[in-house]
Amino acid sequence: MGQNKELAENILDAVGGNQNIKSVTHCMTRLRFSLVDESIIDDETIKQIDGVMGILRNKEEYQVIIGTNVPKVYDELCRIANFKEVSPIDKNSDGKKEKLTLKKIGNSTIDYMAKSMIPMIPILIAAGLCKSVNAIFGPTILNLYSETSNFYVFLDFMFNAGFYFMPIFVGISAAKQLNITSFLGGYLGAVLISPGMVSLVNEKKSFDILGLPVALNDYSQTVFPIMISVFFMSLVYKMVKRIVPDVLSTLFIPFLTILITTPIVLSLLAPLGSIVGNSIGDGLLLFSEKTGFLGVGVLAAIWQFLVMTGMHVALIVPMFSTFFETGQASGAAIAAGFSIWSCIGVALGASLKIKNKKKKGVALGALTSGILGGVTEPTLYGICLPYRRCFAGVALGGFVGGAYSAITHATQFTLPTNHFLYLISFTGGTTANLVNGIVSCIISFIVAAIVTYLFGFSNEDLKQISQ
């Protein structure tokens, strides 16, 4: 706790204090600041803070890379600076709104989607592991119990609960991102998968609301329909809030919001979301089919470069969506995992090559973070950036592992974690599939380690790491 508090205090001071912060949030490994003035910040000062792994700048955010303990650092940061009282609304010193551009709209859309999905990860991991336990210990592999056993049935409905109700979970999260009552988003998600709606879908009956025809689709395990729908609901909510008198707000704001929103959602927006989700999923499958193992290998090779620029977010959500709706993922949709294993391999290769005690400690820390937490930033910013040749290990390891997975049609049947338990995400299919999935990861790991050890350091680098 003390270390997290000290780290939060140092970062707060280095970014100019809370008067320079419009808003702050976090993802899996990074503090993400929206700042009044980035020019006053010295990047090198922040990089030197004990506990900071690196920084990323873009026009939208200033990101400080912490690692898997970022939620605790974030909590300390909010407590120290009393950010609960700081409005997330833009606090530009000139009072003017930023110019709306296509790029800004695109970045905001991706940011909204990603931040709506990130809180779902613990649910997805827990549900996915329930399926993995059944796959390993049930009739598929070890056959310690049958599909009719109570334990199998118990874990099966635990898995289904995590994915079937995804529109409710995402609805709550998306509404929170848009600063409206979060459980209205959950309520809208519940409408999409309510028993009456599901019954109409199964019976293939026609249905309309006040003359508006409703497109009947199965929205369980989907994310795009509710994301689009909650965004529209946020516009309706804010309009209703301006119109309804304060004395009637508690009663009529939620009622009118959902009453106005739902017919449009069921008739237009949710079906549109299904089309978007299916199109992106089909696009990933087409990419895999048209480019074969080369395309998947290339995507795995460049994935960590996409991570460093933040461009990976644009692919994460459709990859998740494909898995939610089909219950499996392969080809391009699983390429990212092999790049993570290649990073772990780079950390191993570097830790074996480096003799300098302090620098070896950095490499061993990166190795531990990769294996136990699936965090690649320590490798990218602590090893690859100082010693640029190590990027070759990341790229080649990812390429070979990704290509092998595509050649053998390795398929994931549970949502993967990023760390060592990633290996069991290939359970649920055949034993051969599990073997090929594990081999793909091991190949990425070994190739990256060998390339890093043999070619990852120049002669000048070797002088530094041997002292």
Protein backbone atom coordinates (compact mmCIF):
# COMPACT_ATOMS: atom_id res chain seq x y z
CA MET A 1 0.00 0.00 0.00
CA GLY A 2 2.82 2.41 0.91
CA GLN A 3 4.62 1.84 -2.38
CA ASN A 4 1.44 2.47 -4.38
CA LYS A 5 0.80 5.67 -2.43
CA GLU A 6 4.35 6.93 -3.00
CA LEU A 7 4.12 6.06 -6.70
CA ALA A 8 0.79 7.88 -7.03
CA GLU A 9 2.18 10.96 -5.28
CA ASN A 10 5.25 11.06 -7.50
CA ILE A 11 3.21 10.70 -10.68
CA LEU A 12 0.70 13.33 -9.59
CA ASP A 13 3.50 15.78 -8.91
CA ALA A 14 5.25 14.98 -12.21
CA VAL A 15 2.15 15.58 -14.35
CA GLY A 16 1.60 19.01 -12.83
CA GLY A 17 -0.78 18.25 -9.98
CA ASN A 18 -4.54 17.89 -10.10
CA GLN A 19 -4.94 21.40 -11.50
CA ASN A 20 -3.37 20.11 -14.73
CA ILE A 21 -5.67 17.07 -14.95
CA LYS A 22 -9.01 17.15 -16.75
CA SER A 23 -9.73 13.50 -16.01
CA VAL A 24 -7.92 10.26 -15.32
CA THR A 25 -8.86 6.63 -15.78
CA HIS A 26 -6.96 3.39 -16.24
CA CYS A 27 -6.90 0.26 -18.38
CA MET A 28 -5.18 -3.06 -17.61
CA THR A 29 -1.68 -1.62 -17.20
CA ARG A 30 -1.76 2.16 -17.73
CA LEU A 31 -2.93 5.36 -16.08
CA ARG A 32 -4.62 7.38 -18.83
CA PHE A 33 -4.63 11.13 -18.26
CA SER A 34 -6.51 13.83 -20.11
CA LEU A 35 -4.40 16.90 -19.33
CA VAL A 36 -4.82 20.65 -19.58
CA ASP A 37 -1.24 21.21 -20.78
CA GLU A 38 1.07 18.33 -21.71
CA SER A 39 3.93 20.66 -22.62
CA ILE A 40 4.84 21.28 -18.96
CA ILE A 41 5.61 17.58 -18.41
CA ASP A 42 9.13 16.21 -18.61
CA ASP A 43 8.86 12.65 -19.94
CA GLU A 44 12.27 11.65 -18.62
CA THR A 45 11.34 12.72 -15.09
CA ILE A 46 8.29 10.44 -15.16
CA LYS A 47 10.28 7.54 -16.65
CA GLN A 48 12.74 7.78 -13.77
CA ILE A 49 10.02 7.32 -11.14
CA ASP A 50 10.43 3.97 -9.43
CA GLY A 51 7.48 1.83 -10.55
CA VAL A 52 6.89 3.56 -13.91
CA MET A 53 7.64 1.35 -16.92
CA GLY A 54 7.23 3.99 -19.60
CA ILE A 55 4.96 6.62 -21.10
CA LEU A 56 2.90 7.07 -24.25
CA ARG A 57 1.71 10.36 -25.71
CA ASN A 58 -1.08 10.97 -28.19
CA LYS A 59 -3.45 13.85 -28.87
CA GLU A 60 -6.15 12.35 -26.71
CA GLU A 61 -4.30 11.01 -23.67
CA TYR A 62 -1.05 11.00 -21.75
CA GLN A 63 -0.49 7.41 -20.64
CA VAL A 64 1.78 6.31 -17.80
CA ILE A 65 2.57 2.60 -17.90
CA ILE A 66 2.47 1.00 -14.45
CA GLY A 67 1.72 -2.72 -14.83
CA THR A 68 -0.88 -5.00 -13.30
CA ASN A 69 -0.97 -3.05 -10.01
CA VAL A 70 -2.38 -0.02 -11.84
CA PRO A 71 -5.86 -0.26 -10.17
CA LYS A 72 -4.27 0.19 -6.72
CA VAL A 73 -2.13 3.10 -7.91
CA TYR A 74 -5.21 4.63 -9.54
CA ASP A 75 -7.20 4.33 -6.30
CA GLU A 76 -4.38 6.03 -4.37
CA LEU A 77 -4.16 8.76 -7.01
CA CYS A 78 -7.88 9.47 -6.78
CA ARG A 79 -7.77 9.49 -2.99
CA ILE A 80 -4.74 11.81 -2.76
CA ALA A 81 -6.02 14.32 -5.31
CA ASN A 82 -9.70 13.94 -4.39
CA PHE A 83 -10.56 13.33 -8.03
CA LYS A 84 -14.13 12.40 -7.14
CA GLU A 85 -14.74 16.13 -6.93
CA VAL A 86 -12.97 16.89 -10.20
CA SER A 87 -15.30 17.11 -13.17
CA PRO A 88 -14.39 14.95 -16.14
CA ILE A 89 -15.65 17.73 -18.37
CA ASP A 90 -13.02 19.44 -20.52
CA LYS A 91 -11.30 22.23 -18.64
CA ASN A 92 -9.55 24.01 -21.52
CA SER A 93 -8.14 27.27 -20.30
CA ASP A 94 -9.66 29.22 -23.18
CA GLY A 95 -13.11 27.71 -22.61
CA LYS A 96 -13.40 26.67 -26.24
CA LYS A 97 -14.44 23.26 -27.44
CA GLU A 98 -11.93 21.24 -29.41
CA LYS A 99 -12.55 21.10 -33.14
CA LEU A 100 -14.49 18.00 -34.14
CA THR A 101 -12.64 16.01 -36.80
CA LEU A 102 -13.09 12.57 -38.34
CA LYS A 103 -9.94 11.44 -36.55
CA LYS A 104 -11.25 12.67 -33.20
CA ILE A 105 -14.60 10.96 -33.81
CA GLY A 106 -12.80 7.72 -34.69
CA ASN A 107 -10.55 7.88 -31.63
CA SER A 108 -13.49 8.67 -29.36
CA THR A 109 -15.50 5.78 -30.80
CA ILE A 110 -12.67 3.30 -30.27
CA ASP A 111 -12.05 4.68 -26.78
CA TYR A 112 -15.75 4.31 -25.88
CA MET A 113 -15.83 0.73 -27.13
CA ALA A 114 -12.60 -0.26 -25.39
CA LYS A 115 -13.51 1.31 -22.05
CA SER A 116 -16.92 -0.35 -22.20
CA MET A 117 -15.26 -3.74 -22.64
CA ILE A 118 -12.33 -3.56 -20.21
CA PRO A 119 -14.49 -3.91 -17.04
CA MET A 120 -15.89 -7.15 -18.51
CA ILE A 121 -12.53 -8.93 -18.53
CA PRO A 122 -12.75 -10.41 -14.98
CA ILE A 123 -16.16 -11.91 -15.84
CA LEU A 124 -14.86 -13.33 -19.09
CA ILE A 125 -11.78 -14.83 -17.46
CA ALA A 126 -13.80 -16.41 -14.64
CA ALA A 127 -16.42 -17.81 -17.02
CA GLY A 128 -13.77 -19.02 -19.46
CA LEU A 129 -11.87 -20.87 -16.75
CA CYS A 130 -15.08 -22.68 -15.76
CA LYS A 131 -15.25 -24.04 -19.29
CA SER A 132 -11.54 -24.89 -19.23
CA VAL A 133 -11.94 -26.95 -16.04
CA ASN A 134 -14.74 -28.94 -17.68
CA ALA A 135 -12.66 -29.41 -20.82
CA ILE A 136 -9.59 -30.65 -18.94
CA PHE A 137 -11.12 -32.75 -16.18
CA GLY A 138 -14.37 -33.70 -17.93
CA PRO A 139 -14.91 -36.25 -20.71
CA THR A 140 -12.89 -34.35 -23.34
CA ILE A 141 -9.43 -35.04 -21.85
CA LEU A 142 -9.05 -36.68 -18.41
CA ASN A 143 -12.63 -37.99 -18.15
CA LEU A 144 -12.78 -37.67 -14.36
CA TYR A 145 -16.51 -36.91 -14.53
CA SER A 146 -19.25 -37.05 -17.16
CA GLU A 147 -21.32 -34.37 -18.88
CA THR A 148 -24.33 -35.45 -16.81
CA SER A 149 -22.59 -34.96 -13.46
CA ASN A 150 -23.76 -32.12 -11.25
CA PHE A 151 -20.27 -30.59 -11.18
CA TYR A 152 -20.09 -30.47 -14.99
CA VAL A 153 -23.56 -28.94 -15.20
CA PHE A 154 -22.67 -26.41 -12.48
CA LEU A 155 -19.54 -25.19 -14.30
CA ASP A 156 -21.39 -25.17 -17.60
CA PHE A 157 -24.10 -22.80 -16.42
CA MET A 158 -21.44 -20.68 -14.73
CA PHE A 159 -19.77 -20.33 -18.13
CA ASN A 160 -23.03 -19.58 -19.92
CA ALA A 161 -24.02 -16.96 -17.36
CA GLY A 162 -20.84 -15.01 -18.08
CA PHE A 163 -21.48 -14.83 -21.81
CA TYR A 164 -25.24 -15.03 -22.32
CA PHE A 165 -25.91 -11.86 -20.31
CA MET A 166 -23.17 -9.86 -22.03
CA PRO A 167 -25.60 -7.16 -23.29
CA ILE A 168 -26.51 -6.36 -19.66
CA PHE A 169 -22.90 -6.19 -18.48
CA VAL A 170 -21.77 -4.09 -21.43
CA GLY A 171 -24.86 -1.89 -21.15
CA ILE A 172 -23.98 -0.95 -17.58
CA SER A 173 -20.36 -0.28 -18.49
CA ALA A 174 -21.18 1.71 -21.64
CA ALA A 175 -23.71 3.91 -19.83
CA LYS A 176 -21.10 4.70 -17.20
CA GLN A 177 -18.67 5.82 -19.91
CA LEU A 178 -21.32 8.21 -21.26
CA ASN A 179 -22.12 9.68 -17.82
CA ILE A 180 -25.72 8.50 -17.62
CA THR A 181 -27.37 6.25 -15.04
CA SER A 182 -25.43 3.01 -15.50
CA PHE A 183 -28.26 0.61 -14.68
CA LEU A 184 -30.42 2.11 -17.41
CA GLY A 185 -27.80 0.71 -19.78
CA GLY A 186 -28.14 -2.65 -18.06
CA TYR A 187 -31.93 -2.40 -18.31
CA LEU A 188 -31.70 -1.77 -22.05
CA GLY A 189 -29.41 -4.78 -22.39
CA ALA A 190 -31.93 -6.87 -20.46
CA VAL A 191 -34.65 -5.80 -22.90
CA LEU A 192 -32.63 -7.23 -25.78
CA ILE A 193 -32.47 -10.69 -24.17
CA SER A 194 -35.71 -10.66 -22.18
CA PRO A 195 -37.69 -13.95 -22.23
CA GLY A 196 -40.48 -12.39 -24.30
CA MET A 197 -38.03 -11.16 -26.94
CA VAL A 198 -36.22 -14.51 -27.05
CA SER A 199 -39.56 -16.30 -27.40
CA LEU A 200 -40.51 -14.13 -30.39
CA VAL A 201 -37.13 -14.85 -32.00
CA ASN A 202 -37.49 -18.60 -31.49
CA GLU A 203 -41.05 -18.65 -32.79
CA LYS A 204 -40.09 -16.40 -35.74
CA LYS A 205 -43.19 -14.26 -35.23
CA SER A 206 -43.56 -10.80 -36.74
CA PHE A 207 -43.75 -7.94 -34.26
CA ASP A 208 -44.06 -4.17 -34.36
CA ILE A 209 -44.18 -1.27 -31.90
CA LEU A 210 -46.68 1.44 -32.85
CA GLY A 211 -46.26 0.48 -36.48
CA LEU A 212 -42.45 0.24 -36.34
CA PRO A 213 -41.41 -3.27 -37.47
CA VAL A 214 -39.03 -4.97 -35.04
CA ALA A 215 -36.15 -6.98 -36.49
CA LEU A 216 -36.07 -10.08 -34.31
CA ASN A 217 -32.50 -11.22 -33.62
CA ASP A 218 -30.82 -13.23 -30.90
CA TYR A 219 -28.76 -10.62 -29.03
CA SER A 220 -27.36 -12.90 -26.34
CA GLN A 221 -23.54 -12.90 -26.24
CA THR A 222 -23.38 -9.75 -28.40
CA VAL A 223 -21.66 -6.42 -27.68
CA PHE A 224 -22.04 -4.11 -30.68
CA PRO A 225 -25.87 -3.87 -30.60
CA ILE A 226 -25.92 -2.69 -26.98
CA MET A 227 -22.96 -0.32 -27.47
CA ILE A 228 -24.73 1.48 -30.31
CA SER A 229 -28.03 1.42 -28.46
CA VAL A 230 -26.65 2.88 -25.22
CA PHE A 231 -24.98 5.70 -27.14
CA PHE A 232 -28.36 6.66 -28.62
CA MET A 233 -29.98 6.31 -25.21
CA SER A 234 -27.44 8.74 -23.74
CA LEU A 235 -28.59 11.39 -26.24
CA VAL A 236 -32.23 10.77 -25.33
CA TYR A 237 -31.41 10.78 -21.60
CA LYS A 238 -29.68 14.16 -21.77
CA MET A 239 -32.50 15.64 -23.86
CA VAL A 240 -35.16 14.40 -21.44
CA LYS A 241 -33.13 15.64 -18.48
CA ARG A 242 -33.14 19.18 -19.88
CA ILE A 243 -36.89 19.15 -20.42
CA VAL A 244 -38.27 17.43 -17.31
CA PRO A 245 -38.60 19.69 -14.20
CA ASP A 246 -36.39 18.73 -11.26
CA VAL A 247 -39.37 17.90 -9.08
CA LEU A 248 -40.43 15.19 -11.55
CA SER A 249 -36.97 14.02 -12.60
CA THR A 250 -36.78 10.87 -10.44
CA LEU A 251 -39.99 9.50 -11.92
CA PHE A 252 -40.02 10.66 -15.51
CA ILE A 253 -36.37 10.81 -16.67
CA PRO A 254 -35.78 7.02 -16.60
CA PHE A 255 -39.32 6.24 -17.79
CA LEU A 256 -39.30 8.59 -20.77
CA THR A 257 -35.71 7.71 -21.66
CA ILE A 258 -36.38 4.01 -21.95
CA LEU A 259 -39.82 4.53 -23.54
CA ILE A 260 -38.40 6.71 -26.33
CA THR A 261 -35.21 4.70 -26.79
CA THR A 262 -36.49 1.13 -26.94
CA PRO A 263 -38.62 1.24 -30.13
CA ILE A 264 -35.75 2.84 -32.08
CA VAL A 265 -33.29 0.36 -30.64
CA LEU A 266 -35.35 -2.73 -31.47
CA SER A 267 -36.33 -1.50 -34.92
CA LEU A 268 -33.06 0.00 -36.12
CA LEU A 269 -30.03 0.32 -33.85
CA ALA A 270 -29.69 -3.19 -32.37
CA PRO A 271 -30.08 -4.83 -35.82
CA LEU A 272 -27.51 -2.35 -37.14
CA GLY A 273 -25.16 -3.37 -34.34
CA SER A 274 -25.58 -7.01 -35.31
CA ILE A 275 -24.69 -6.17 -38.89
CA VAL A 276 -21.58 -4.26 -37.77
CA GLY A 277 -20.46 -7.04 -35.43
CA ASN A 278 -21.05 -9.76 -38.00
CA SER A 279 -19.28 -7.76 -40.71
CA ILE A 280 -16.17 -7.27 -38.60
CA GLY A 281 -16.16 -10.91 -37.54
CA ASP A 282 -16.57 -11.99 -41.16
CA GLY A 283 -13.76 -9.60 -42.10
CA LEU A 284 -11.37 -11.24 -39.67
CA LEU A 285 -12.30 -14.67 -40.98
CA LEU A 286 -11.86 -13.46 -44.57
CA PHE A 287 -8.45 -12.06 -43.67
CA SER A 288 -7.43 -15.44 -42.30
CA GLU A 289 -8.78 -17.29 -45.32
CA LYS A 290 -7.30 -15.00 -47.97
CA THR A 291 -3.85 -14.51 -46.47
CA GLY A 292 -3.47 -17.94 -44.89
CA PHE A 293 -0.70 -18.57 -42.41
CA LEU A 294 1.36 -15.62 -43.74
CA GLY A 295 -1.28 -13.06 -42.82
CA VAL A 296 -1.82 -14.47 -39.34
CA GLY A 297 1.94 -14.62 -38.81
CA VAL A 298 2.39 -11.00 -39.90
CA LEU A 299 -0.38 -9.82 -37.57
CA ALA A 300 1.24 -11.69 -34.66
CA ALA A 301 4.62 -10.19 -35.63
CA ILE A 302 3.42 -6.58 -35.59
CA TRP A 303 0.93 -6.83 -32.72
CA GLN A 304 3.21 -5.38 -30.06
CA PHE A 305 4.01 -2.43 -32.33
CA LEU A 306 0.26 -1.81 -32.53
CA VAL A 307 0.15 -2.01 -28.72
CA MET A 308 2.86 0.64 -28.42
CA THR A 309 0.90 3.05 -30.63
CA GLY A 310 -2.50 2.20 -29.14
CA MET A 311 -3.79 1.00 -32.52
CA HIS A 312 -4.44 -2.50 -31.17
CA VAL A 313 -7.61 -1.27 -29.46
CA ALA A 314 -9.34 -1.03 -32.84
CA LEU A 315 -8.92 -4.81 -33.26
CA ILE A 316 -9.47 -6.00 -29.69
CA VAL A 317 -13.20 -5.25 -29.57
CA PRO A 318 -14.10 -7.03 -32.84
CA MET A 319 -11.95 -9.97 -31.77
CA PHE A 320 -13.86 -10.17 -28.50
CA SER A 321 -17.13 -9.80 -30.37
CA THR A 322 -16.30 -12.67 -32.71
CA PHE A 323 -15.57 -14.92 -29.74
CA PHE A 324 -18.74 -13.92 -27.86
CA GLU A 325 -20.99 -14.66 -30.81
CA THR A 326 -19.37 -17.89 -32.07
CA GLY A 327 -17.88 -19.33 -28.88
CA GLN A 328 -14.51 -19.85 -30.54
CA ALA A 329 -11.68 -17.99 -32.25
CA SER A 330 -8.87 -18.91 -34.61
CA GLY A 331 -6.61 -17.44 -37.27
CA ALA A 332 -6.24 -13.66 -37.13
CA ALA A 333 -8.49 -13.44 -34.09
CA ILE A 334 -5.92 -15.19 -31.86
CA ALA A 335 -2.70 -13.74 -33.34
CA ALA A 336 -2.18 -11.36 -30.42
CA GLY A 337 -1.54 -14.16 -27.94
CA PHE A 338 1.53 -15.40 -29.77
CA SER A 339 3.06 -11.94 -29.72
CA ILE A 340 2.69 -11.99 -25.91
CA TRP A 341 4.54 -15.29 -25.72
CA SER A 342 7.25 -13.91 -27.99
CA CYS A 343 7.68 -11.01 -25.54
CA ILE A 344 8.08 -13.50 -22.69
CA GLY A 345 10.71 -15.28 -24.81
CA VAL A 346 12.57 -12.00 -25.40
CA ALA A 347 12.64 -11.39 -21.65
CA LEU A 348 14.10 -14.86 -21.08
CA GLY A 349 16.72 -14.45 -23.80
CA ALA A 350 17.71 -11.04 -22.44
CA SER A 351 17.90 -12.24 -18.84
CA LEU A 352 20.25 -15.08 -19.90
CA LYS A 353 22.44 -12.75 -21.99
CA ILE A 354 22.68 -9.76 -19.64
CA LYS A 355 25.38 -9.93 -16.98
CA ASN A 356 24.98 -6.50 -15.41
CA LYS A 357 23.15 -7.10 -12.11
CA LYS A 358 20.78 -4.11 -12.33
CA LYS A 359 19.93 -4.63 -16.01
CA LYS A 360 19.46 -8.37 -15.45
CA GLY A 361 16.99 -7.48 -12.69
CA VAL A 362 14.97 -5.46 -15.20
CA ALA A 363 14.92 -8.42 -17.60
CA LEU A 364 13.95 -10.89 -14.87
CA GLY A 365 11.19 -8.53 -13.75
CA ALA A 366 9.91 -8.38 -17.33
CA LEU A 367 10.00 -12.17 -17.51
CA THR A 368 8.04 -12.52 -14.28
CA SER A 369 5.50 -9.89 -15.34
CA GLY A 370 5.00 -11.67 -18.65
CA ILE A 371 4.55 -15.17 -17.23
CA LEU A 372 2.41 -14.30 -14.21
CA GLY A 373 0.56 -11.23 -15.48
CA GLY A 374 0.78 -11.30 -19.27
CA VAL A 375 2.13 -7.74 -19.16
CA THR A 376 4.38 -6.94 -22.12
CA GLU A 377 5.23 -3.31 -21.35
CA PRO A 378 8.27 -4.15 -19.15
CA THR A 379 9.74 -6.09 -22.07
CA LEU A 380 8.85 -3.48 -24.68
CA TYR A 381 9.99 -0.43 -22.73
CA GLY A 382 12.60 -1.95 -20.43
CA ILE A 383 14.37 -4.21 -22.95
CA CYS A 384 13.35 -3.59 -26.58
CA LEU A 385 13.50 0.20 -26.62
CA PRO A 386 16.96 0.43 -25.01
CA TYR A 387 18.22 -2.48 -27.13
CA ARG A 388 16.38 -2.12 -30.45
CA ARG A 389 17.58 -5.40 -31.94
CA CYS A 390 15.40 -7.24 -29.41
CA PHE A 391 12.36 -6.15 -31.43
CA ALA A 392 13.48 -8.77 -33.97
CA GLY A 393 12.82 -11.46 -31.36
CA VAL A 394 9.33 -10.10 -30.71
CA ALA A 395 8.51 -10.03 -34.44
CA LEU A 396 10.04 -13.37 -35.46
CA GLY A 397 8.69 -15.25 -32.46
CA GLY A 398 5.20 -13.90 -33.04
CA PHE A 399 5.36 -14.64 -36.77
CA VAL A 400 6.45 -18.27 -36.43
CA GLY A 401 3.96 -19.06 -33.65
CA GLY A 402 1.10 -17.31 -35.43
CA ALA A 403 1.88 -19.01 -38.73
CA TYR A 404 2.03 -22.47 -37.10
CA SER A 405 -1.32 -21.86 -35.38
CA ALA A 406 -2.91 -20.98 -38.72
CA ILE A 407 -1.41 -23.99 -40.50
CA THR A 408 -2.71 -26.36 -37.83
CA HIS A 409 -6.03 -24.45 -37.44
CA ALA A 410 -5.51 -24.03 -33.70
CA THR A 411 -8.76 -22.77 -32.15
CA GLN A 412 -9.54 -21.23 -28.77
CA PHE A 413 -12.76 -22.29 -27.08
CA THR A 414 -12.42 -20.21 -23.91
CA LEU A 415 -11.55 -16.54 -23.67
CA PRO A 416 -7.80 -16.49 -23.04
CA THR A 417 -5.94 -14.80 -20.24
CA ASN A 418 -2.64 -13.16 -21.16
CA HIS A 419 -0.41 -15.11 -18.77
CA PHE A 420 0.63 -18.76 -18.47
CA LEU A 421 -3.01 -19.90 -18.23
CA TYR A 422 -3.34 -18.76 -21.86
CA LEU A 423 -2.34 -22.32 -22.77
CA ILE A 424 -5.61 -23.80 -21.52
CA SER A 425 -7.69 -21.50 -23.74
CA PHE A 426 -7.27 -24.18 -26.43
CA THR A 427 -9.20 -26.73 -24.35
CA GLY A 428 -12.75 -27.57 -25.37
CA GLY A 429 -11.99 -29.05 -28.77
CA THR A 430 -9.89 -32.07 -29.64
CA THR A 431 -6.72 -33.10 -27.86
CA ALA A 432 -4.84 -32.39 -31.10
CA ASN A 433 -6.14 -28.82 -31.02
CA LEU A 434 -4.90 -28.37 -27.44
CA VAL A 435 -1.47 -29.71 -28.42
CA ASN A 436 -1.21 -27.47 -31.48
CA GLY A 437 -2.28 -24.43 -29.50
CA ILE A 438 0.34 -25.06 -26.82
CA VAL A 439 3.00 -25.78 -29.45
CA SER A 440 2.19 -22.46 -31.17
CA CYS A 441 2.84 -20.60 -27.91
CA ILE A 442 6.01 -22.56 -27.15
CA ILE A 443 7.36 -21.93 -30.66
CA SER A 444 6.80 -18.18 -30.25
CA PHE A 445 8.52 -18.30 -26.87
CA ILE A 446 11.55 -20.37 -27.95
CA VAL A 447 12.17 -18.59 -31.26
CA ALA A 448 12.02 -15.18 -29.57
CA ALA A 449 14.36 -16.30 -26.79
CA ILE A 450 16.95 -17.74 -29.21
CA VAL A 451 16.85 -14.73 -31.56
CA THR A 452 17.22 -12.36 -28.63
CA TYR A 453 20.08 -14.29 -27.05
CA LEU A 454 22.02 -14.65 -30.32
CA PHE A 455 21.22 -11.44 -32.20
CA GLY A 456 19.40 -9.09 -29.81
CA PHE A 457 22.38 -6.99 -28.73
CA SER A 458 24.94 -5.02 -30.71
CA ASN A 459 28.61 -4.94 -29.76
CA GLU A 460 28.02 -1.63 -28.03
CA ASP A 461 25.06 -3.08 -26.15
CA LEU A 462 27.15 -6.05 -25.04
CA LYS A 463 29.67 -3.71 -23.44
CA GLN A 464 26.88 -2.11 -21.40
CA ILE A 465 25.16 -5.28 -20.26
CA SER A 466 28.35 -7.07 -19.28
CA GLN A 467 29.59 -4.40 -16.88
